[in-house]
Amino acid sequence: MANNKHRGTTLDSFLEEEGVLPRFQARAIKEVIAWQLAKAMRDRNLSQNALAKLMRTSRTQVARVLDPNDGNVTIETLQRAAAVVGRRVELQLV
């Protein structure tokens, strides 16, 4: 296998070489959090408007939280949204 000319590096290695690995990792984390939050909202039968009212914020802010392309969401906002749906945000350095 090691001599296979069609076998390249791992995706992470490639992204690291290109200097974009942290950006892609951040995007992946945001996508997972948005997906988990949307699922929790469905489980609780909450709309974006209802979540916004419970968070005492705008529906636009909730849409930002649920949009994996929007990188302007604070950890505090994620924590508030998670608390409303009965979850919590856990961060760790590994």
PDB file of N, CA and C in Angstrom:
ATOM      1  N   MET A   1       0.816  -1.192   0.000  1.00  0.00           N
ATOM      2  CA  MET A   1       0.000   0.000   0.000  1.00  0.00           C
ATOM      3  C   MET A   1       0.858   1.253   0.000  1.00  0.00           C
ATOM      4  N   ALA A   2       1.979   1.224   0.695  1.00  0.00           N
ATOM      5  CA  ALA A   2       2.828   2.406   0.809  1.00  0.00           C
ATOM      6  C   ALA A   2       3.382   2.845  -0.541  1.00  0.00           C
ATOM      7  N   ASN A   3       3.489   1.924  -1.483  1.00  0.00           N
ATOM      8  CA  ASN A   3       4.028   2.261  -2.796  1.00  0.00           C
ATOM      9  C   ASN A   3       2.951   2.626  -3.804  1.00  0.00           C
ATOM     10  N   ASN A   4       1.727   2.724  -3.367  1.00  0.00           N
ATOM     11  CA  ASN A   4       0.621   3.054  -4.260  1.00  0.00           C
ATOM     12  C   ASN A   4       0.736   4.515  -4.671  1.00  0.00           C
ATOM     13  N   LYS A   5       0.965   4.765  -5.968  1.00  0.00           N
ATOM     14  CA  LYS A   5       1.171   6.137  -6.434  1.00  0.00           C
ATOM     15  C   LYS A   5      -0.115   6.967  -6.398  1.00  0.00           C
ATOM     16  N   HIS A   6      -1.252   6.306  -6.235  1.00  0.00           N
ATOM     17  CA  HIS A   6      -2.532   7.027  -6.209  1.00  0.00           C
ATOM     18  C   HIS A   6      -2.960   7.396  -4.796  1.00  0.00           C
ATOM     19  N   ARG A   7      -2.188   6.975  -3.838  1.00  0.00           N
ATOM     20  CA  ARG A   7      -2.532   7.257  -2.446  1.00  0.00           C
ATOM     21  C   ARG A   7      -1.805   8.513  -1.996  1.00  0.00           C
ATOM     22  N   GLY A   8      -2.553   9.467  -1.494  1.00  0.00           N
ATOM     23  CA  GLY A   8      -1.959  10.727  -1.062  1.00  0.00           C
ATOM     24  C   GLY A   8      -2.004  10.886   0.438  1.00  0.00           C
ATOM     25  N   THR A   9      -1.916  12.109   0.860  1.00  0.00           N
ATOM     26  CA  THR A   9      -1.946  12.420   2.277  1.00  0.00           C
ATOM     27  C   THR A   9      -3.377  12.391   2.778  1.00  0.00           C
ATOM     28  N   THR A  10      -3.530  12.517   4.081  1.00  0.00           N
ATOM     29  CA  THR A  10      -4.877  12.599   4.643  1.00  0.00           C
ATOM     30  C   THR A  10      -5.455  13.976   4.343  1.00  0.00           C
ATOM     31  N   LEU A  11      -6.753  14.078   4.459  1.00  0.00           N
ATOM     32  CA  LEU A  11      -7.407  15.368   4.231  1.00  0.00           C
ATOM     33  C   LEU A  11      -6.891  16.405   5.223  1.00  0.00           C
ATOM     34  N   ASP A  12      -6.754  16.017   6.491  1.00  0.00           N
ATOM     35  CA  ASP A  12      -6.240  16.960   7.490  1.00  0.00           C
ATOM     36  C   ASP A  12      -4.841  17.443   7.128  1.00  0.00           C
ATOM     37  N   SER A  13      -3.997  16.527   6.667  1.00  0.00           N
ATOM     38  CA  SER A  13      -2.641  16.918   6.270  1.00  0.00           C
ATOM     39  C   SER A  13      -2.684  17.915   5.120  1.00  0.00           C
ATOM     40  N   PHE A  14      -3.536  17.626   4.148  1.00  0.00           N
ATOM     41  CA  PHE A  14      -3.658  18.517   2.999  1.00  0.00           C
ATOM     42  C   PHE A  14      -4.136  19.900   3.427  1.00  0.00           C
ATOM     43  N   LEU A  15      -5.193  19.946   4.257  1.00  0.00           N
ATOM     44  CA  LEU A  15      -5.732  21.233   4.706  1.00  0.00           C
ATOM     45  C   LEU A  15      -4.708  21.990   5.542  1.00  0.00           C
ATOM     46  N   GLU A  16      -3.935  21.260   6.332  1.00  0.00           N
ATOM     47  CA  GLU A  16      -2.891  21.896   7.137  1.00  0.00           C
ATOM     48  C   GLU A  16      -1.805  22.488   6.229  1.00  0.00           C
ATOM     49  N   GLU A  17      -1.411  21.742   5.218  1.00  0.00           N
ATOM     50  CA  GLU A  17      -0.408  22.242   4.267  1.00  0.00           C
ATOM     51  C   GLU A  17      -0.892  23.493   3.539  1.00  0.00           C
ATOM     52  N   GLU A  18      -2.190  23.540   3.281  1.00  0.00           N
ATOM     53  CA  GLU A  18      -2.778  24.691   2.601  1.00  0.00           C
ATOM     54  C   GLU A  18      -3.029  25.855   3.562  1.00  0.00           C
ATOM     55  N   GLY A  19      -2.876  25.611   4.847  1.00  0.00           N
ATOM     56  CA  GLY A  19      -3.051  26.660   5.850  1.00  0.00           C
ATOM     57  C   GLY A  19      -4.501  26.965   6.187  1.00  0.00           C
ATOM     58  N   VAL A  20      -5.405  26.032   5.907  1.00  0.00           N
ATOM     59  CA  VAL A  20      -6.831  26.291   6.131  1.00  0.00           C
ATOM     60  C   VAL A  20      -7.478  25.314   7.120  1.00  0.00           C
ATOM     61  N   LEU A  21      -6.680  24.446   7.738  1.00  0.00           N
ATOM     62  CA  LEU A  21      -7.240  23.446   8.646  1.00  0.00           C
ATOM     63  C   LEU A  21      -8.036  24.073   9.799  1.00  0.00           C
ATOM     64  N   PRO A  22      -7.519  25.094  10.505  1.00  0.00           N
ATOM     65  CA  PRO A  22      -8.312  25.667  11.607  1.00  0.00           C
ATOM     66  C   PRO A  22      -9.670  26.221  11.151  1.00  0.00           C
ATOM     67  N   ARG A  23      -9.698  26.828   9.983  1.00  0.00           N
ATOM     68  CA  ARG A  23     -10.966  27.378   9.469  1.00  0.00           C
ATOM     69  C   ARG A  23     -11.971  26.257   9.197  1.00  0.00           C
ATOM     70  N   PHE A  24     -11.503  25.160   8.598  1.00  0.00           N
ATOM     71  CA  PHE A  24     -12.392  24.041   8.304  1.00  0.00           C
ATOM     72  C   PHE A  24     -12.845  23.338   9.582  1.00  0.00           C
ATOM     73  N   GLN A  25     -11.954  23.225  10.553  1.00  0.00           N
ATOM     74  CA  GLN A  25     -12.338  22.615  11.825  1.00  0.00           C
ATOM     75  C   GLN A  25     -13.398  23.459  12.529  1.00  0.00           C
ATOM     76  N   ALA A  26     -13.214  24.773  12.539  1.00  0.00           N
ATOM     77  CA  ALA A  26     -14.187  25.671  13.172  1.00  0.00           C
ATOM     78  C   ALA A  26     -15.546  25.548  12.498  1.00  0.00           C
ATOM     79  N   ARG A  27     -15.539  25.479  11.179  1.00  0.00           N
ATOM     80  CA  ARG A  27     -16.793  25.343  10.421  1.00  0.00           C
ATOM     81  C   ARG A  27     -17.478  24.019  10.767  1.00  0.00           C
ATOM     82  N   ALA A  28     -16.706  22.938  10.865  1.00  0.00           N
ATOM     83  CA  ALA A  28     -17.279  21.633  11.188  1.00  0.00           C
ATOM     84  C   ALA A  28     -17.897  21.641  12.585  1.00  0.00           C
ATOM     85  N   ILE A  29     -17.213  22.259  13.535  1.00  0.00           N
ATOM     86  CA  ILE A  29     -17.740  22.354  14.898  1.00  0.00           C
ATOM     87  C   ILE A  29     -19.048  23.138  14.896  1.00  0.00           C
ATOM     88  N   LYS A  30     -19.072  24.261  14.191  1.00  0.00           N
ATOM     89  CA  LYS A  30     -20.281  25.093  14.117  1.00  0.00           C
ATOM     90  C   LYS A  30     -21.432  24.321  13.479  1.00  0.00           C
ATOM     91  N   GLU A  31     -21.137  23.541  12.434  1.00  0.00           N
ATOM     92  CA  GLU A  31     -22.188  22.745  11.789  1.00  0.00           C
ATOM     93  C   GLU A  31     -22.787  21.727  12.754  1.00  0.00           C
ATOM     94  N   VAL A  32     -21.939  21.085  13.533  1.00  0.00           N
ATOM     95  CA  VAL A  32     -22.427  20.082  14.490  1.00  0.00           C
ATOM     96  C   VAL A  32     -23.281  20.744  15.569  1.00  0.00           C
ATOM     97  N   ILE A  33     -22.815  21.864  16.092  1.00  0.00           N
ATOM     98  CA  ILE A  33     -23.583  22.563  17.126  1.00  0.00           C
ATOM     99  C   ILE A  33     -24.926  23.032  16.569  1.00  0.00           C
ATOM    100  N   ALA A  34     -24.931  23.596  15.369  1.00  0.00           N
ATOM    101  CA  ALA A  34     -26.177  24.065  14.751  1.00  0.00           C
ATOM    102  C   ALA A  34     -27.129  22.889  14.536  1.00  0.00           C
ATOM    103  N   TRP A  35     -26.593  21.764  14.083  1.00  0.00           N
ATOM    104  CA  TRP A  35     -27.427  20.583  13.850  1.00  0.00           C
ATOM    105  C   TRP A  35     -28.020  20.077  15.166  1.00  0.00           C
ATOM    106  N   GLN A  36     -27.190  20.018  16.226  1.00  0.00           N
ATOM    107  CA  GLN A  36     -27.683  19.543  17.516  1.00  0.00           C
ATOM    108  C   GLN A  36     -28.738  20.481  18.089  1.00  0.00           C
ATOM    109  N   LEU A  37     -28.526  21.773  17.940  1.00  0.00           N
ATOM    110  CA  LEU A  37     -29.494  22.739  18.441  1.00  0.00           C
ATOM    111  C   LEU A  37     -30.805  22.634  17.667  1.00  0.00           C
ATOM    112  N   ALA A  38     -30.736  22.520  16.346  1.00  0.00           N
ATOM    113  CA  ALA A  38     -31.947  22.384  15.528  1.00  0.00           C
ATOM    114  C   ALA A  38     -32.708  21.112  15.900  1.00  0.00           C
ATOM    115  N   LYS A  39     -31.982  20.031  16.148  1.00  0.00           N
ATOM    116  CA  LYS A  39     -32.633  18.782  16.553  1.00  0.00           C
ATOM    117  C   LYS A  39     -33.323  18.949  17.906  1.00  0.00           C
ATOM    118  N   ALA A  40     -32.654  19.581  18.850  1.00  0.00           N
ATOM    119  CA  ALA A  40     -33.252  19.812  20.166  1.00  0.00           C
ATOM    120  C   ALA A  40     -34.495  20.693  20.043  1.00  0.00           C
ATOM    121  N   MET A  41     -34.440  21.674  19.128  1.00  0.00           N
ATOM    122  CA  MET A  41     -35.614  22.521  18.905  1.00  0.00           C
ATOM    123  C   MET A  41     -36.775  21.685  18.355  1.00  0.00           C
ATOM    124  N   ARG A  42     -36.489  20.805  17.400  1.00  0.00           N
ATOM    125  CA  ARG A  42     -37.548  19.941  16.843  1.00  0.00           C
ATOM    126  C   ARG A  42     -38.109  19.036  17.929  1.00  0.00           C
ATOM    127  N   ASP A  43     -37.229  18.461  18.752  1.00  0.00           N
ATOM    128  CA  ASP A  43     -37.677  17.572  19.826  1.00  0.00           C
ATOM    129  C   ASP A  43     -38.612  18.291  20.790  1.00  0.00           C
ATOM    130  N   ARG A  44     -38.382  19.568  20.990  1.00  0.00           N
ATOM    131  CA  ARG A  44     -39.207  20.368  21.908  1.00  0.00           C
ATOM    132  C   ARG A  44     -40.299  21.144  21.175  1.00  0.00           C
ATOM    133  N   ASN A  45     -40.383  20.927  19.867  1.00  0.00           N
ATOM    134  CA  ASN A  45     -41.397  21.589  19.044  1.00  0.00           C
ATOM    135  C   ASN A  45     -41.302  23.115  19.148  1.00  0.00           C
ATOM    136  N   LEU A  46     -40.059  23.633  19.067  1.00  0.00           N
ATOM    137  CA  LEU A  46     -39.816  25.074  19.161  1.00  0.00           C
ATOM    138  C   LEU A  46     -39.463  25.638  17.788  1.00  0.00           C
ATOM    139  N   SER A  47     -40.096  26.715  17.427  1.00  0.00           N
ATOM    140  CA  SER A  47     -39.735  27.430  16.203  1.00  0.00           C
ATOM    141  C   SER A  47     -38.601  28.405  16.517  1.00  0.00           C
ATOM    142  N   GLN A  48     -38.040  28.994  15.465  1.00  0.00           N
ATOM    143  CA  GLN A  48     -37.020  30.021  15.685  1.00  0.00           C
ATOM    144  C   GLN A  48     -37.602  31.191  16.454  1.00  0.00           C
ATOM    145  N   ASN A  49     -38.831  31.575  16.139  1.00  0.00           N
ATOM    146  CA  ASN A  49     -39.469  32.680  16.860  1.00  0.00           C
ATOM    147  C   ASN A  49     -39.646  32.352  18.344  1.00  0.00           C
ATOM    148  N   ALA A  50     -40.090  31.129  18.638  1.00  0.00           N
ATOM    149  CA  ALA A  50     -40.291  30.732  20.034  1.00  0.00           C
ATOM    150  C   ALA A  50     -38.963  30.709  20.790  1.00  0.00           C
ATOM    151  N   LEU A  51     -37.918  30.165  20.151  1.00  0.00           N
ATOM    152  CA  LEU A  51     -36.605  30.142  20.797  1.00  0.00           C
ATOM    153  C   LEU A  51     -36.115  31.558  21.053  1.00  0.00           C
ATOM    154  N   ALA A  52     -36.320  32.439  20.079  1.00  0.00           N
ATOM    155  CA  ALA A  52     -35.889  33.834  20.239  1.00  0.00           C
ATOM    156  C   ALA A  52     -36.582  34.481  21.435  1.00  0.00           C
ATOM    157  N   LYS A  53     -37.878  34.236  21.592  1.00  0.00           N
ATOM    158  CA  LYS A  53     -38.598  34.812  22.731  1.00  0.00           C
ATOM    159  C   LYS A  53     -38.065  34.276  24.051  1.00  0.00           C
ATOM    160  N   LEU A  54     -37.809  32.982  24.102  1.00  0.00           N
ATOM    161  CA  LEU A  54     -37.292  32.387  25.331  1.00  0.00           C
ATOM    162  C   LEU A  54     -35.874  32.873  25.651  1.00  0.00           C
ATOM    163  N   MET A  55     -35.110  33.187  24.615  1.00  0.00           N
ATOM    164  CA  MET A  55     -33.750  33.693  24.810  1.00  0.00           C
ATOM    165  C   MET A  55     -33.731  35.205  25.014  1.00  0.00           C
ATOM    166  N   ARG A  56     -34.871  35.840  24.807  1.00  0.00           N
ATOM    167  CA  ARG A  56     -34.990  37.308  24.859  1.00  0.00           C
ATOM    168  C   ARG A  56     -34.042  37.963  23.846  1.00  0.00           C
ATOM    169  N   THR A  57     -34.136  37.449  22.613  1.00  0.00           N
ATOM    170  CA  THR A  57     -33.332  37.981  21.512  1.00  0.00           C
ATOM    171  C   THR A  57     -34.195  37.997  20.255  1.00  0.00           C
ATOM    172  N   SER A  58     -33.592  38.326  19.151  1.00  0.00           N
ATOM    173  CA  SER A  58     -34.347  38.390  17.892  1.00  0.00           C
ATOM    174  C   SER A  58     -34.303  37.058  17.151  1.00  0.00           C
ATOM    175  N   ARG A  59     -35.267  36.863  16.271  1.00  0.00           N
ATOM    176  CA  ARG A  59     -35.269  35.679  15.429  1.00  0.00           C
ATOM    177  C   ARG A  59     -34.050  35.682  14.523  1.00  0.00           C
ATOM    178  N   THR A  60     -33.601  36.876  14.131  1.00  0.00           N
ATOM    179  CA  THR A  60     -32.409  36.997  13.295  1.00  0.00           C
ATOM    180  C   THR A  60     -31.191  36.431  14.014  1.00  0.00           C
ATOM    181  N   GLN A  61     -31.062  36.700  15.300  1.00  0.00           N
ATOM    182  CA  GLN A  61     -29.942  36.160  16.075  1.00  0.00           C
ATOM    183  C   GLN A  61     -30.026  34.642  16.152  1.00  0.00           C
ATOM    184  N   VAL A  62     -31.218  34.107  16.325  1.00  0.00           N
ATOM    185  CA  VAL A  62     -31.388  32.650  16.359  1.00  0.00           C
ATOM    186  C   VAL A  62     -30.998  32.060  15.006  1.00  0.00           C
ATOM    187  N   ALA A  63     -31.387  32.717  13.929  1.00  0.00           N
ATOM    188  CA  ALA A  63     -31.012  32.244  12.589  1.00  0.00           C
ATOM    189  C   ALA A  63     -29.496  32.214  12.433  1.00  0.00           C
ATOM    190  N   ARG A  64     -28.806  33.198  12.999  1.00  0.00           N
ATOM    191  CA  ARG A  64     -27.334  33.212  12.952  1.00  0.00           C
ATOM    192  C   ARG A  64     -26.749  32.006  13.697  1.00  0.00           C
ATOM    193  N   VAL A  65     -27.332  31.693  14.841  1.00  0.00           N
ATOM    194  CA  VAL A  65     -26.861  30.552  15.625  1.00  0.00           C
ATOM    195  C   VAL A  65     -27.022  29.256  14.824  1.00  0.00           C
ATOM    196  N   LEU A  66     -28.096  29.156  14.083  1.00  0.00           N
ATOM    197  CA  LEU A  66     -28.389  27.937  13.323  1.00  0.00           C
ATOM    198  C   LEU A  66     -27.703  27.891  11.966  1.00  0.00           C
ATOM    199  N   ASP A  67     -27.053  28.962  11.567  1.00  0.00           N
ATOM    200  CA  ASP A  67     -26.401  29.045  10.262  1.00  0.00           C
ATOM    201  C   ASP A  67     -24.923  28.702  10.392  1.00  0.00           C
ATOM    202  N   PRO A  68     -24.503  27.533   9.871  1.00  0.00           N
ATOM    203  CA  PRO A  68     -23.091  27.159  10.000  1.00  0.00           C
ATOM    204  C   PRO A  68     -22.142  28.086   9.237  1.00  0.00           C
ATOM    205  N   ASN A  69     -22.666  28.890   8.342  1.00  0.00           N
ATOM    206  CA  ASN A  69     -21.828  29.822   7.592  1.00  0.00           C
ATOM    207  C   ASN A  69     -21.577  31.123   8.340  1.00  0.00           C
ATOM    208  N   ASP A  70     -22.326  31.352   9.398  1.00  0.00           N
ATOM    209  CA  ASP A  70     -22.179  32.590  10.165  1.00  0.00           C
ATOM    210  C   ASP A  70     -21.208  32.352  11.310  1.00  0.00           C
ATOM    211  N   GLY A  71     -20.057  32.952  11.236  1.00  0.00           N
ATOM    212  CA  GLY A  71     -19.041  32.764  12.261  1.00  0.00           C
ATOM    213  C   GLY A  71     -19.079  33.806  13.351  1.00  0.00           C
ATOM    214  N   ASN A  72     -20.124  34.626  13.398  1.00  0.00           N
ATOM    215  CA  ASN A  72     -20.186  35.723  14.358  1.00  0.00           C
ATOM    216  C   ASN A  72     -21.123  35.428  15.521  1.00  0.00           C
ATOM    217  N   VAL A  73     -21.056  34.228  16.050  1.00  0.00           N
ATOM    218  CA  VAL A  73     -21.893  33.845  17.181  1.00  0.00           C
ATOM    219  C   VAL A  73     -20.983  33.613  18.374  1.00  0.00           C
ATOM    220  N   THR A  74     -21.321  34.226  19.487  1.00  0.00           N
ATOM    221  CA  THR A  74     -20.476  34.096  20.676  1.00  0.00           C
ATOM    222  C   THR A  74     -20.798  32.806  21.426  1.00  0.00           C
ATOM    223  N   ILE A  75     -19.853  32.374  22.236  1.00  0.00           N
ATOM    224  CA  ILE A  75     -20.071  31.203  23.079  1.00  0.00           C
ATOM    225  C   ILE A  75     -21.221  31.465  24.038  1.00  0.00           C
ATOM    226  N   GLU A  76     -21.311  32.682  24.534  1.00  0.00           N
ATOM    227  CA  GLU A  76     -22.413  33.037  25.444  1.00  0.00           C
ATOM    228  C   GLU A  76     -23.766  32.828  24.775  1.00  0.00           C
ATOM    229  N   THR A  77     -23.894  33.231  23.518  1.00  0.00           N
ATOM    230  CA  THR A  77     -25.156  33.049  22.794  1.00  0.00           C
ATOM    231  C   THR A  77     -25.454  31.571  22.621  1.00  0.00           C
ATOM    232  N   LEU A  78     -24.450  30.780  22.285  1.00  0.00           N
ATOM    233  CA  LEU A  78     -24.640  29.341  22.149  1.00  0.00           C
ATOM    234  C   LEU A  78     -25.068  28.730  23.477  1.00  0.00           C
ATOM    235  N   GLN A  79     -24.484  29.185  24.573  1.00  0.00           N
ATOM    236  CA  GLN A  79     -24.850  28.679  25.894  1.00  0.00           C
ATOM    237  C   GLN A  79     -26.301  29.007  26.227  1.00  0.00           C
ATOM    238  N   ARG A  80     -26.711  30.221  25.919  1.00  0.00           N
ATOM    239  CA  ARG A  80     -28.104  30.620  26.193  1.00  0.00           C
ATOM    240  C   ARG A  80     -29.073  29.782  25.375  1.00  0.00           C
ATOM    241  N   ALA A  81     -28.776  29.587  24.094  1.00  0.00           N
ATOM    242  CA  ALA A  81     -29.651  28.783  23.232  1.00  0.00           C
ATOM    243  C   ALA A  81     -29.707  27.348  23.737  1.00  0.00           C
ATOM    244  N   ALA A  82     -28.562  26.799  24.101  1.00  0.00           N
ATOM    245  CA  ALA A  82     -28.515  25.426  24.606  1.00  0.00           C
ATOM    246  C   ALA A  82     -29.331  25.281  25.885  1.00  0.00           C
ATOM    247  N   ALA A  83     -29.223  26.247  26.776  1.00  0.00           N
ATOM    248  CA  ALA A  83     -29.957  26.191  28.041  1.00  0.00           C
ATOM    249  C   ALA A  83     -31.466  26.174  27.809  1.00  0.00           C
ATOM    250  N   VAL A  84     -31.924  26.944  26.841  1.00  0.00           N
ATOM    251  CA  VAL A  84     -33.358  27.010  26.559  1.00  0.00           C
ATOM    252  C   VAL A  84     -33.893  25.656  26.101  1.00  0.00           C
ATOM    253  N   VAL A  85     -33.094  24.891  25.378  1.00  0.00           N
ATOM    254  CA  VAL A  85     -33.549  23.581  24.898  1.00  0.00           C
ATOM    255  C   VAL A  85     -33.106  22.445  25.821  1.00  0.00           C
ATOM    256  N   GLY A  86     -32.637  22.806  27.021  1.00  0.00           N
ATOM    257  CA  GLY A  86     -32.289  21.801  28.009  1.00  0.00           C
ATOM    258  C   GLY A  86     -30.925  21.157  27.808  1.00  0.00           C
ATOM    259  N   ARG A  87     -30.057  21.842  27.141  1.00  0.00           N
ATOM    260  CA  ARG A  87     -28.709  21.324  26.890  1.00  0.00           C
ATOM    261  C   ARG A  87     -27.698  22.297  27.465  1.00  0.00           C
ATOM    262  N   ARG A  88     -26.403  21.951  27.332  1.00  0.00           N
ATOM    263  CA  ARG A  88     -25.338  22.866  27.716  1.00  0.00           C
ATOM    264  C   ARG A  88     -24.188  22.713  26.717  1.00  0.00           C
ATOM    265  N   VAL A  89     -23.379  23.727  26.622  1.00  0.00           N
ATOM    266  CA  VAL A  89     -22.217  23.717  25.742  1.00  0.00           C
ATOM    267  C   VAL A  89     -21.010  23.358  26.583  1.00  0.00           C
ATOM    268  N   GLU A  90     -20.236  22.401  26.105  1.00  0.00           N
ATOM    269  CA  GLU A  90     -19.003  22.010  26.789  1.00  0.00           C
ATOM    270  C   GLU A  90     -17.843  22.236  25.822  1.00  0.00           C
ATOM    271  N   LEU A  91     -16.818  22.921  26.282  1.00  0.00           N
ATOM    272  CA  LEU A  91     -15.620  23.155  25.491  1.00  0.00           C
ATOM    273  C   LEU A  91     -14.445  22.528  26.218  1.00  0.00           C
ATOM    274  N   GLN A  92     -13.512  22.022  25.451  1.00  0.00           N
ATOM    275  CA  GLN A  92     -12.306  21.492  26.074  1.00  0.00           C
ATOM    276  C   GLN A  92     -11.135  21.636  25.119  1.00  0.00           C
ATOM    277  N   LEU A  93      -9.968  21.804  25.693  1.00  0.00           N
ATOM    278  CA  LEU A  93      -8.746  21.824  24.906  1.00  0.00           C
ATOM    279  C   LEU A  93      -8.165  20.426  24.926  1.00  0.00           C
ATOM    280  N   VAL A  94      -7.805  19.936  23.761  1.00  0.00           N
ATOM    281  CA  VAL A  94      -7.234  18.575  23.704  1.00  0.00           C
ATOM    282  C   VAL A  94      -5.873  18.606  23.058  1.00  0.00           C
TER     283      VAL A  94
END
